[in-house]
Amino acid sequence: MFIVIAHLGTCPDPGSLINGHIHVQSFADQSPAIARCYTGFKLSGSFLRTCQASDAKNAYWDGTAPVCKDQFKKPNELAAQIRETFIDRTLKCDSTINQIPDQTQRNETNSGKSAFCHGRTVVVGNGCVDLVYAVDCSGSITEKGFELSKEFVAKSVRLFQIENGQERVGLLTYDHRIHVEFELGDLNTTAETLRQIRKAPFCGGATSTTRVLQHLNKSVISNTRQGCKKAIFILSDGRNNWGGNPAQIAKELKKIEDLEIFTVAFGDNDLGWKALREISSGEEHFIAVRNAEDVAKAVDKAIEVPLDYGGTCGRSVSKQNPCRDALSDHCRSTPAAWPWVVGIYVIAEKNSQPDIVCGGALIGDC
């Protein structure tokens, strides 16, 4: 009788995982090593690796070494996502064109076939957009987060031409209750819309994203216009703790023609991220940020209005413009460098900060 004794080896330490951890109970043959990333980081590589130590001299962990990648985008990446998915998709901007419109574009604008969108040509079809913001005002998002969410709404609203009636904006705030700040079509000027956004109060209750989606489905969508672009923008920390799972209601909303749902998740709540990701119309419609301040800053970059209109009239305030004097005889400015700028401000209330309604170049080049 022969007795075969197998000399099994042990696997080496799989090492540490930056922004995560690896759970290992044993280094023996067929033992598992399970990798997990901290909230805000996404696992790349193998979640589960198994020790292969049948050959004592060549023991190893199978699979691919895990890496935890930061899911929070850098400011420029976040700005690009907001511009490409929210601004360009909602207003149908062509981001491949970044210049002052020529005479043909101006004529199209006057005829209602297209408009000009911060350096990008906008092909708006029949020209109508209905956009509803739903802003979380529950206790978990904090009053500061709520105020910064309103700042994001106010900045992005300036992209819309509310005065012409083609683009309408509505605002809801919500905790476990629905607070209608203004409905689609209630306001017909940008200045009044901005004033009402800033007046919206903090709530501080529980969070029910489910309830706000039910309200949107039942009471708001019916007020949108047939054939118009429709968009819902939800800003929340995603901690839905009232009213059940919102995913099923979102599924019904997604069936509506010409409707897109955008979501912004604040903070590092995994369950909240999952819920808001499921609600959105697609991965590109979901934005994850560490805090509301990040997205408020990113929208400044996204709307591409880096200029200070407080400069001297007739002189460019853009350092990137090689022709800073609009009256120069021997200089040609870069397209969209805005050599001669003007801005129109509105002060909605006494002692309040002025809000810029629109601005641009008085002349195309110099």
Protein backbone atom coordinates (compact mmCIF):
# COMPACT_ATOMS: atom_id res chain seq x y z
CA MET A 1 0.00 0.00 0.00
CA PHE A 2 1.23 3.42 -0.94
CA ILE A 3 0.39 6.57 1.04
CA VAL A 4 0.63 9.87 -0.85
CA ILE A 5 1.14 12.91 1.31
CA ALA A 6 0.35 16.22 -0.39
CA HIS A 7 2.36 19.18 0.81
CA LEU A 8 0.03 22.11 0.38
CA GLY A 9 1.40 25.61 0.58
CA THR A 10 -0.08 28.89 1.74
CA CYS A 11 -0.80 31.99 -0.27
CA PRO A 12 1.02 35.25 0.40
CA ASP A 13 -0.71 38.14 2.12
CA PRO A 14 -2.97 39.74 -0.56
CA GLY A 15 -1.94 43.15 0.75
CA SER A 16 -3.95 46.19 1.73
CA LEU A 17 -6.56 47.93 -0.40
CA ILE A 18 -6.41 51.72 -0.61
CA ASN A 19 -9.90 53.19 0.04
CA GLY A 20 -11.23 49.75 0.96
CA HIS A 21 -10.35 46.53 2.75
CA ILE A 22 -9.72 42.85 2.00
CA HIS A 23 -11.24 40.24 4.31
CA VAL A 24 -9.17 37.04 4.65
CA GLN A 25 -9.73 34.32 7.26
CA SER A 26 -7.01 31.95 6.09
CA PHE A 27 -4.11 31.75 3.64
CA ALA A 28 -4.67 28.02 3.05
CA ASP A 29 -5.58 26.43 -0.28
CA GLN A 30 -9.09 27.38 -1.54
CA SER A 31 -9.52 30.10 1.09
CA PRO A 32 -11.37 33.22 -0.13
CA ALA A 33 -10.24 36.84 -0.08
CA ILE A 34 -13.14 39.28 -0.37
CA ALA A 35 -12.55 42.90 -1.39
CA ARG A 36 -14.86 45.78 -0.51
CA CYS A 37 -14.52 49.49 -1.25
CA TYR A 38 -15.52 52.31 1.04
CA THR A 39 -18.55 54.40 0.14
CA GLY A 40 -17.81 56.72 -2.78
CA PHE A 41 -15.40 54.29 -4.39
CA LYS A 42 -16.09 51.68 -7.06
CA LEU A 43 -14.36 48.30 -7.19
CA SER A 44 -12.29 47.48 -10.26
CA GLY A 45 -10.85 43.97 -10.44
CA SER A 46 -12.00 40.82 -8.65
CA PHE A 47 -14.45 41.05 -5.77
CA LEU A 48 -13.64 37.43 -4.78
CA ARG A 49 -10.25 35.78 -5.15
CA THR A 50 -9.40 32.22 -4.11
CA CYS A 51 -6.08 30.91 -2.82
CA GLN A 52 -4.50 28.39 -5.21
CA ALA A 53 -1.90 26.59 -3.08
CA SER A 54 -1.90 22.99 -4.34
CA ASP A 55 1.66 23.63 -5.44
CA ALA A 56 3.50 24.78 -2.35
CA LYS A 57 6.17 26.51 -4.40
CA ASN A 58 3.79 28.49 -6.58
CA ALA A 59 0.87 29.47 -4.36
CA TYR A 60 -1.13 32.50 -5.58
CA TRP A 61 -4.48 34.28 -5.45
CA ASP A 62 -6.52 33.86 -8.63
CA GLY A 63 -8.46 36.64 -10.33
CA THR A 64 -7.33 40.25 -10.70
CA ALA A 65 -5.96 42.46 -7.94
CA PRO A 66 -8.75 44.81 -6.78
CA VAL A 67 -8.54 48.62 -6.97
CA CYS A 68 -11.00 51.11 -5.45
CA LYS A 69 -11.62 54.02 -7.81
CA ASP A 70 -13.08 57.33 -6.66
CA GLN A 71 -16.66 57.69 -7.92
CA PHE A 72 -16.71 61.40 -7.13
CA LYS A 73 -15.76 63.25 -10.28
CA LYS A 74 -13.20 66.03 -10.34
CA PRO A 75 -14.68 69.54 -10.80
CA ASN A 76 -13.98 69.69 -14.53
CA GLU A 77 -15.36 66.17 -15.08
CA LEU A 78 -18.48 67.02 -13.07
CA ALA A 79 -18.96 70.25 -15.04
CA ALA A 80 -18.62 68.35 -18.32
CA GLN A 81 -21.24 65.81 -17.22
CA ILE A 82 -23.70 68.53 -16.21
CA ARG A 83 -23.14 70.35 -19.50
CA GLU A 84 -23.33 67.31 -21.77
CA THR A 85 -26.17 65.40 -20.12
CA PHE A 86 -28.34 68.09 -18.55
CA ILE A 87 -27.76 71.37 -20.42
CA ASP A 88 -27.04 70.02 -23.89
CA ARG A 89 -29.70 67.28 -23.77
CA THR A 90 -32.42 69.48 -22.27
CA LEU A 91 -31.76 72.50 -24.49
CA LYS A 92 -30.49 70.32 -27.38
CA CYS A 93 -27.23 72.26 -27.61
CA ASP A 94 -24.63 71.31 -30.20
CA SER A 95 -21.46 71.46 -28.10
CA THR A 96 -19.28 70.92 -31.17
CA ILE A 97 -19.86 74.55 -32.15
CA ASN A 98 -18.35 77.12 -29.81
CA GLN A 99 -18.38 80.48 -31.51
CA ILE A 100 -20.29 83.69 -31.85
CA PRO A 101 -23.28 83.02 -34.13
CA ASP A 102 -22.99 84.20 -37.70
CA GLN A 103 -25.75 86.05 -39.54
CA THR A 104 -27.43 82.79 -40.60
CA GLN A 105 -27.65 81.67 -36.97
CA ARG A 106 -29.05 85.05 -35.98
CA ASN A 107 -31.73 84.77 -38.66
CA GLU A 108 -32.64 81.27 -37.49
CA THR A 109 -32.91 82.57 -33.94
CA ASN A 110 -35.25 85.32 -35.03
CA SER A 111 -37.44 82.84 -36.90
CA GLY A 112 -37.73 80.61 -33.84
CA LYS A 113 -35.93 77.64 -35.41
CA SER A 114 -32.87 77.86 -33.18
CA ALA A 115 -31.43 79.83 -30.30
CA PHE A 116 -28.02 80.64 -28.94
CA CYS A 117 -26.87 78.86 -25.79
CA HIS A 118 -23.72 80.24 -24.17
CA GLY A 119 -21.43 79.68 -27.12
CA ARG A 120 -23.26 76.61 -28.47
CA THR A 121 -25.86 76.43 -31.19
CA VAL A 122 -29.19 75.13 -29.94
CA VAL A 123 -31.52 73.26 -32.27
CA VAL A 124 -34.78 73.41 -30.38
CA GLY A 125 -37.28 71.97 -32.85
CA ASN A 126 -40.63 73.46 -31.89
CA GLY A 127 -38.73 75.30 -29.16
CA CYS A 128 -40.54 74.20 -26.01
CA VAL A 129 -39.08 72.76 -22.81
CA ASP A 130 -40.85 71.89 -19.54
CA LEU A 131 -38.43 71.41 -16.64
CA VAL A 132 -39.33 70.57 -13.05
CA TYR A 133 -36.82 70.67 -10.19
CA ALA A 134 -37.52 68.54 -7.10
CA VAL A 135 -35.24 69.61 -4.25
CA ASP A 136 -34.84 67.58 -1.07
CA CYS A 137 -35.42 69.82 1.98
CA SER A 138 -35.38 67.04 4.61
CA GLY A 139 -33.34 67.14 7.79
CA SER A 140 -30.65 64.78 6.53
CA ILE A 141 -29.57 67.08 3.70
CA THR A 142 -29.07 69.96 6.20
CA GLU A 143 -30.07 73.58 5.75
CA LYS A 144 -26.71 74.46 4.17
CA GLY A 145 -27.08 71.64 1.64
CA PHE A 146 -30.59 72.84 0.82
CA GLU A 147 -29.42 76.42 0.21
CA LEU A 148 -26.65 75.19 -2.09
CA SER A 149 -29.15 73.03 -3.96
CA LYS A 150 -31.26 76.13 -4.55
CA GLU A 151 -28.14 77.92 -5.79
CA PHE A 152 -27.66 75.18 -8.38
CA VAL A 153 -31.29 75.55 -9.48
CA ALA A 154 -31.01 79.34 -9.72
CA LYS A 155 -27.83 79.21 -11.80
CA SER A 156 -29.15 76.63 -14.23
CA VAL A 157 -32.52 78.41 -14.59
CA ARG A 158 -30.69 81.37 -16.14
CA LEU A 159 -30.04 79.19 -19.18
CA PHE A 160 -33.75 79.19 -20.01
CA GLN A 161 -35.63 81.87 -21.93
CA ILE A 162 -38.64 81.98 -19.67
CA GLU A 163 -39.87 85.31 -21.03
CA ASN A 164 -40.72 83.88 -24.46
CA GLY A 165 -43.07 81.25 -22.99
CA GLN A 166 -41.36 78.43 -24.81
CA GLU A 167 -39.37 77.28 -21.80
CA ARG A 168 -41.22 76.74 -18.51
CA VAL A 169 -39.82 75.89 -15.08
CA GLY A 170 -41.48 74.43 -11.99
CA LEU A 171 -40.08 73.90 -8.49
CA LEU A 172 -41.05 71.41 -5.77
CA THR A 173 -39.34 70.95 -2.45
CA TYR A 174 -39.97 67.86 -0.38
CA ASP A 175 -39.33 66.00 2.84
CA HIS A 176 -42.12 63.57 3.77
CA ARG A 177 -44.47 66.23 2.40
CA ILE A 178 -44.70 67.95 -0.97
CA HIS A 179 -44.23 71.71 -1.11
CA VAL A 180 -45.16 73.28 -4.44
CA GLU A 181 -43.14 76.48 -4.74
CA PHE A 182 -44.41 77.22 -8.24
CA GLU A 183 -45.97 75.18 -11.04
CA LEU A 184 -45.02 75.03 -14.71
CA GLY A 185 -46.20 78.24 -16.35
CA ASP A 186 -46.87 80.11 -13.08
CA LEU A 187 -43.99 82.54 -13.62
CA ASN A 188 -43.15 84.29 -16.86
CA THR A 189 -39.93 86.15 -16.06
CA THR A 190 -36.47 84.97 -15.04
CA ALA A 191 -36.24 87.58 -12.28
CA GLU A 192 -39.48 86.43 -10.62
CA THR A 193 -38.44 82.78 -10.96
CA LEU A 194 -35.11 83.46 -9.24
CA ARG A 195 -36.87 85.37 -6.46
CA GLN A 196 -39.27 82.48 -5.79
CA ILE A 197 -36.41 79.95 -5.78
CA ARG A 198 -34.60 81.91 -3.09
CA LYS A 199 -37.78 82.23 -1.00
CA ALA A 200 -38.27 78.44 -0.75
CA PRO A 201 -37.90 77.51 2.95
CA PHE A 202 -36.00 74.62 4.53
CA CYS A 203 -38.31 71.85 5.78
CA GLY A 204 -36.33 69.47 8.01
CA GLY A 205 -38.60 66.41 8.00
CA ALA A 206 -38.11 62.81 6.86
CA THR A 207 -37.27 61.99 3.22
CA SER A 208 -39.80 60.58 0.76
CA THR A 209 -38.52 60.49 -2.79
CA THR A 210 -41.35 58.05 -3.42
CA ARG A 211 -43.95 60.64 -2.58
CA VAL A 212 -42.42 63.32 -4.77
CA LEU A 213 -42.33 60.91 -7.74
CA GLN A 214 -45.97 60.02 -7.12
CA HIS A 215 -46.82 63.73 -7.16
CA LEU A 216 -44.85 64.29 -10.36
CA ASN A 217 -46.55 61.36 -12.04
CA LYS A 218 -50.06 62.30 -10.95
CA SER A 219 -50.14 66.10 -10.88
CA VAL A 220 -47.19 67.57 -12.78
CA ILE A 221 -46.71 65.50 -15.92
CA SER A 222 -50.33 66.10 -16.89
CA ASN A 223 -49.49 69.83 -17.00
CA THR A 224 -46.63 69.41 -19.48
CA ARG A 225 -47.13 70.19 -23.14
CA GLN A 226 -47.43 67.54 -25.79
CA GLY A 227 -44.46 67.46 -28.14
CA CYS A 228 -42.24 69.44 -25.80
CA LYS A 229 -39.01 68.28 -24.21
CA LYS A 230 -39.67 67.24 -20.59
CA ALA A 231 -37.08 66.95 -17.82
CA ILE A 232 -37.15 66.25 -14.09
CA PHE A 233 -34.13 67.15 -11.96
CA ILE A 234 -34.00 65.63 -8.47
CA LEU A 235 -31.43 66.81 -5.92
CA SER A 236 -31.19 64.71 -2.75
CA ASP A 237 -28.93 62.73 -0.43
CA GLY A 238 -31.12 59.78 -1.44
CA ARG A 239 -31.93 58.64 2.08
CA ASN A 240 -35.50 57.67 1.29
CA ASN A 241 -37.03 56.64 4.62
CA TRP A 242 -40.72 57.26 4.03
CA GLY A 243 -43.24 55.79 1.61
CA GLY A 244 -41.48 52.72 0.21
CA ASN A 245 -39.25 52.07 -2.81
CA PRO A 246 -39.43 54.85 -5.44
CA ALA A 247 -37.99 52.71 -8.27
CA GLN A 248 -41.36 51.36 -9.49
CA ILE A 249 -42.89 54.82 -9.85
CA ALA A 250 -39.78 56.03 -11.65
CA LYS A 251 -40.17 53.10 -14.05
CA GLU A 252 -43.65 54.36 -14.97
CA LEU A 253 -42.36 57.92 -15.48
CA LYS A 254 -39.62 56.71 -17.82
CA LYS A 255 -42.27 55.37 -20.21
CA ILE A 256 -43.44 58.93 -20.94
CA GLU A 257 -42.29 60.16 -24.33
CA ASP A 258 -39.64 62.92 -24.41
CA LEU A 259 -39.11 62.74 -20.62
CA GLU A 260 -35.69 62.43 -19.01
CA ILE A 261 -34.96 62.14 -15.28
CA PHE A 262 -31.71 63.52 -13.87
CA THR A 263 -30.60 62.85 -10.29
CA VAL A 264 -27.87 64.32 -8.09
CA ALA A 265 -26.82 62.31 -5.02
CA PHE A 266 -25.08 64.22 -2.22
CA GLY A 267 -22.89 62.55 0.40
CA ASP A 268 -21.74 58.96 0.79
CA ASN A 269 -24.87 56.94 1.46
CA ASP A 270 -24.66 53.71 -0.57
CA LEU A 271 -28.38 52.97 -0.35
CA GLY A 272 -29.20 56.53 -1.37
CA TRP A 273 -26.90 56.28 -4.36
CA LYS A 274 -28.51 53.04 -5.44
CA ALA A 275 -32.02 54.49 -5.21
CA LEU A 276 -31.19 57.68 -7.14
CA ARG A 277 -29.24 55.77 -9.76
CA GLU A 278 -32.28 53.53 -10.35
CA ILE A 279 -34.56 56.56 -10.62
CA SER A 280 -32.45 58.32 -13.27
CA SER A 281 -32.94 57.75 -16.99
CA GLY A 282 -29.46 56.25 -17.30
CA GLU A 283 -25.98 56.18 -15.81
CA GLU A 284 -25.08 59.43 -17.57
CA HIS A 285 -28.13 61.07 -15.92
CA PHE A 286 -26.85 60.21 -12.43
CA ILE A 287 -24.39 62.57 -10.71
CA ALA A 288 -22.64 61.69 -7.42
CA VAL A 289 -21.00 64.49 -5.44
CA ARG A 290 -19.47 64.72 -1.99
CA ASN A 291 -21.63 67.69 -1.08
CA ALA A 292 -24.00 70.24 -2.56
CA GLU A 293 -21.23 72.83 -2.70
CA ASP A 294 -19.37 70.77 -5.33
CA VAL A 295 -22.29 70.68 -7.75
CA ALA A 296 -23.04 74.39 -7.20
CA LYS A 297 -19.45 75.19 -8.22
CA ALA A 298 -19.51 72.77 -11.14
CA VAL A 299 -22.55 74.40 -12.71
CA ASP A 300 -20.53 77.63 -13.03
CA LYS A 301 -18.07 75.78 -15.24
CA ALA A 302 -20.84 73.89 -17.04
CA ILE A 303 -22.71 76.98 -18.24
CA GLU A 304 -19.49 78.54 -19.53
CA VAL A 305 -19.94 82.07 -18.25
CA PRO A 306 -16.53 82.81 -16.71
CA LEU A 307 -16.63 86.54 -17.37
CA ASP A 308 -17.07 89.38 -14.93
CA TYR A 309 -19.46 91.81 -16.58
CA GLY A 310 -18.33 94.54 -14.24
CA GLY A 311 -15.40 95.46 -16.50
CA THR A 312 -15.02 98.61 -18.56
CA CYS A 313 -17.41 98.77 -21.51
CA GLY A 314 -15.47 98.47 -24.74
CA ARG A 315 -12.70 96.40 -23.16
CA SER A 316 -12.62 92.62 -22.83
CA VAL A 317 -12.43 91.21 -19.33
CA SER A 318 -11.29 87.84 -20.70
CA LYS A 319 -7.56 87.26 -20.20
CA GLN A 320 -7.73 84.68 -22.99
CA ASN A 321 -8.66 87.34 -25.55
CA PRO A 322 -5.56 88.48 -27.50
CA CYS A 323 -7.49 91.60 -28.50
CA ARG A 324 -8.59 93.14 -25.20
CA ASP A 325 -9.29 96.61 -26.60
CA ALA A 326 -12.49 96.59 -28.66
CA LEU A 327 -11.39 99.74 -30.52
CA SER A 328 -8.08 98.33 -31.78
CA ASP A 329 -7.52 98.72 -35.54
CA HIS A 330 -4.99 95.91 -35.95
CA CYS A 331 -6.31 93.03 -33.90
CA ARG A 332 -8.84 90.28 -34.51
CA SER A 333 -10.40 88.67 -31.47
CA THR A 334 -10.83 84.96 -30.90
CA PRO A 335 -14.41 83.78 -31.62
CA ALA A 336 -16.51 83.79 -28.41
CA ALA A 337 -13.86 85.83 -26.58
CA TRP A 338 -16.47 88.55 -25.98
CA PRO A 339 -14.32 91.65 -26.66
CA TRP A 340 -17.01 94.19 -25.78
CA VAL A 341 -19.26 92.97 -23.02
CA VAL A 342 -22.51 94.07 -21.46
CA GLY A 343 -24.64 92.50 -18.77
CA ILE A 344 -28.18 93.11 -17.54
CA TYR A 345 -28.72 92.66 -13.81
CA VAL A 346 -31.93 92.46 -11.80
CA ILE A 347 -32.22 93.27 -8.11
CA ALA A 348 -35.32 91.38 -7.02
CA GLU A 349 -35.46 92.72 -3.46
CA LYS A 350 -34.02 95.70 -1.63
CA ASN A 351 -30.44 95.12 -0.39
CA SER A 352 -30.28 91.75 -2.19
CA GLN A 353 -27.44 90.66 -4.45
CA PRO A 354 -27.98 91.50 -8.14
CA ASP A 355 -28.67 88.56 -10.46
CA ILE A 356 -27.37 88.62 -14.00
CA VAL A 357 -30.19 87.82 -16.41
CA CYS A 358 -28.20 87.89 -19.65
CA GLY A 359 -25.03 89.22 -21.13
CA GLY A 360 -22.82 88.97 -24.17
CA ALA A 361 -20.81 90.74 -26.83
CA LEU A 362 -22.15 93.89 -28.47
CA ILE A 363 -19.94 93.24 -31.49
CA GLY A 364 -18.76 89.98 -33.04
CA ASP A 365 -15.06 90.73 -33.36
CA CYS A 366 -12.68 93.68 -33.35
